[in-house]
Amino acid sequence: DLATGEVVLDLGCGVGIDTLLAARAVGPAGRAIGLYMTEEMAARARTNAATAGLANVEILFGLMEAIPLADASVDVVVSNGVLNLSTRKSRALAEAMRVLRPGGRISIADLVLEDRLPEDVLKSPAALAG
């Protein structure tokens, strides 16, 4: 339930689909910020925002473990299928809480394992890279 005028941060925005949806939901008085860890994907998200004609979108290059935003600067943090990729999940969550304003909201949709992964999978660079 995003409200008009809110500032939304999309962690791991990819090509920006959720960021663009958030930008439309918060309207011109609000702002949607996408964050991605590769400049190439961030550039694609910027292109998609420009193509959609959304002036209230900002796409940042950076890590969710070190969000390049000021403390208490966003109303809502969203993350869709990305937190599981962090090798420092507690740091990423601490950063999300740092940038949230008092009373802010966080919404995370992600994968959850119910069983422990085999040791060979845990140590596999290919498994970590996806």
Protein backbone atom coordinates (compact mmCIF):
# COMPACT_ATOMS: atom_id res chain seq x y z
CA ASP A 1 0.00 0.00 0.00
CA LEU A 2 2.21 2.79 -1.26
CA ALA A 3 0.89 6.29 -0.73
CA THR A 4 1.17 9.38 -2.88
CA GLY A 5 4.32 11.32 -2.03
CA GLU A 6 6.27 8.48 -0.40
CA VAL A 7 9.91 7.67 -1.12
CA VAL A 8 10.45 4.00 -1.98
CA LEU A 9 13.76 2.14 -2.22
CA ASP A 10 13.88 -1.03 -4.33
CA LEU A 11 16.87 -3.15 -3.28
CA GLY A 12 18.29 -5.14 -6.18
CA CYS A 13 16.04 -3.46 -8.73
CA GLY A 14 17.28 -5.39 -11.76
CA VAL A 15 15.86 -3.76 -14.90
CA GLY A 16 13.56 -1.68 -12.70
CA ILE A 17 10.13 -3.29 -13.01
CA ASP A 18 9.21 -2.98 -9.32
CA THR A 19 10.85 0.45 -9.18
CA LEU A 20 8.68 1.70 -12.04
CA LEU A 21 5.54 0.26 -10.45
CA ALA A 22 6.45 2.01 -7.19
CA ALA A 23 7.06 5.30 -9.04
CA ARG A 24 3.59 5.14 -10.55
CA ALA A 25 2.04 4.30 -7.17
CA VAL A 26 3.66 7.22 -5.32
CA GLY A 27 3.00 9.67 -8.15
CA PRO A 28 4.94 12.76 -9.18
CA ALA A 29 5.07 14.01 -5.57
CA GLY A 30 6.87 10.82 -4.53
CA ARG A 31 10.09 9.17 -5.56
CA ALA A 32 11.19 5.63 -6.39
CA ILE A 33 14.86 4.72 -6.02
CA GLY A 34 16.26 1.54 -7.51
CA LEU A 35 19.58 0.11 -6.33
CA TYR A 36 21.62 -2.44 -8.25
CA MET A 37 25.13 -3.84 -7.86
CA THR A 38 26.24 -3.69 -11.49
CA GLU A 39 26.46 -0.53 -13.53
CA GLU A 40 25.26 -2.36 -16.65
CA MET A 41 21.96 -3.41 -15.05
CA ALA A 42 21.53 -0.01 -13.40
CA ALA A 43 21.93 1.57 -16.85
CA ARG A 44 19.21 -0.73 -18.23
CA ALA A 45 16.90 0.30 -15.38
CA ARG A 46 17.61 3.98 -16.12
CA THR A 47 16.75 3.41 -19.78
CA ASN A 48 13.50 1.70 -18.82
CA ALA A 49 12.55 4.59 -16.52
CA ALA A 50 13.24 7.10 -19.29
CA THR A 51 11.25 5.03 -21.80
CA ALA A 52 8.34 4.94 -19.33
CA GLY A 53 8.55 8.73 -19.01
CA LEU A 54 8.84 8.63 -15.22
CA ALA A 55 10.71 11.65 -13.87
CA ASN A 56 10.38 10.50 -10.24
CA VAL A 57 12.75 7.53 -10.64
CA GLU A 58 16.40 7.47 -9.61
CA ILE A 59 18.58 4.43 -10.21
CA LEU A 60 21.70 4.06 -8.08
CA PHE A 61 24.71 1.81 -8.52
CA GLY A 62 25.75 0.19 -5.24
CA LEU A 63 25.46 -2.66 -2.80
CA MET A 64 22.54 -3.39 -0.50
CA GLU A 65 25.11 -3.96 2.25
CA ALA A 66 26.23 -0.33 1.87
CA ILE A 67 23.23 1.65 0.61
CA PRO A 68 24.36 5.03 -0.77
CA LEU A 69 21.55 6.99 0.93
CA ALA A 70 21.30 9.09 4.07
CA ASP A 71 19.92 7.77 7.34
CA ALA A 72 16.12 7.93 7.64
CA SER A 73 15.67 9.01 4.02
CA VAL A 74 13.01 6.59 2.70
CA ASP A 75 9.48 5.66 3.72
CA VAL A 76 9.41 2.14 2.27
CA VAL A 77 12.06 -0.46 1.37
CA VAL A 78 11.09 -3.27 -0.97
CA SER A 79 13.11 -6.23 -2.16
CA ASN A 80 11.86 -8.93 -4.50
CA GLY A 81 13.97 -12.08 -4.77
CA VAL A 82 17.31 -10.43 -4.05
CA LEU A 83 18.16 -10.64 -0.35
CA ASN A 84 18.99 -14.34 -0.71
CA LEU A 85 21.89 -13.37 -2.99
CA SER A 86 23.66 -11.40 -0.27
CA THR A 87 26.45 -13.16 1.56
CA ARG A 88 25.94 -10.61 4.37
CA LYS A 89 22.17 -10.68 4.89
CA SER A 90 22.30 -9.21 8.40
CA ARG A 91 24.32 -6.26 7.05
CA ALA A 92 21.87 -5.75 4.18
CA LEU A 93 18.93 -5.77 6.62
CA ALA A 94 20.74 -3.37 8.96
CA GLU A 95 21.30 -1.00 6.03
CA ALA A 96 17.62 -1.21 5.04
CA MET A 97 16.64 -0.30 8.60
CA ARG A 98 19.18 2.55 8.65
CA VAL A 99 17.70 4.28 5.62
CA LEU A 100 14.09 3.84 6.77
CA ARG A 101 12.39 6.81 8.39
CA PRO A 102 10.79 6.26 11.79
CA GLY A 103 7.53 4.42 11.16
CA GLY A 104 8.75 3.30 7.73
CA ARG A 105 7.84 -0.04 6.21
CA ILE A 106 9.82 -2.88 4.68
CA SER A 107 8.52 -5.60 2.36
CA ILE A 108 10.72 -8.53 1.39
CA ALA A 109 9.71 -11.38 -0.92
CA ASP A 110 12.40 -14.00 -1.20
CA LEU A 111 13.44 -17.63 -1.12
CA VAL A 112 13.61 -19.47 2.18
CA LEU A 113 15.31 -22.82 2.70
CA GLU A 114 13.78 -25.24 5.14
CA ASP A 115 16.71 -27.68 5.03
CA ARG A 116 20.46 -27.18 5.15
CA LEU A 117 22.22 -27.21 1.79
CA PRO A 118 24.82 -29.93 1.19
CA GLU A 119 28.40 -28.83 1.93
CA ASP A 120 29.48 -29.19 -1.72
CA VAL A 121 26.74 -26.75 -2.78
CA LEU A 122 27.70 -24.27 -0.04
CA LYS A 123 31.31 -24.27 -1.26
CA SER A 124 30.52 -24.16 -4.96
CA PRO A 125 31.32 -20.88 -6.78
CA ALA A 126 28.92 -21.93 -9.55
CA ALA A 127 26.06 -22.43 -7.06
CA LEU A 128 26.76 -19.06 -5.45
CA ALA A 129 26.79 -17.33 -8.84
CA GLY A 130 23.47 -18.90 -9.84
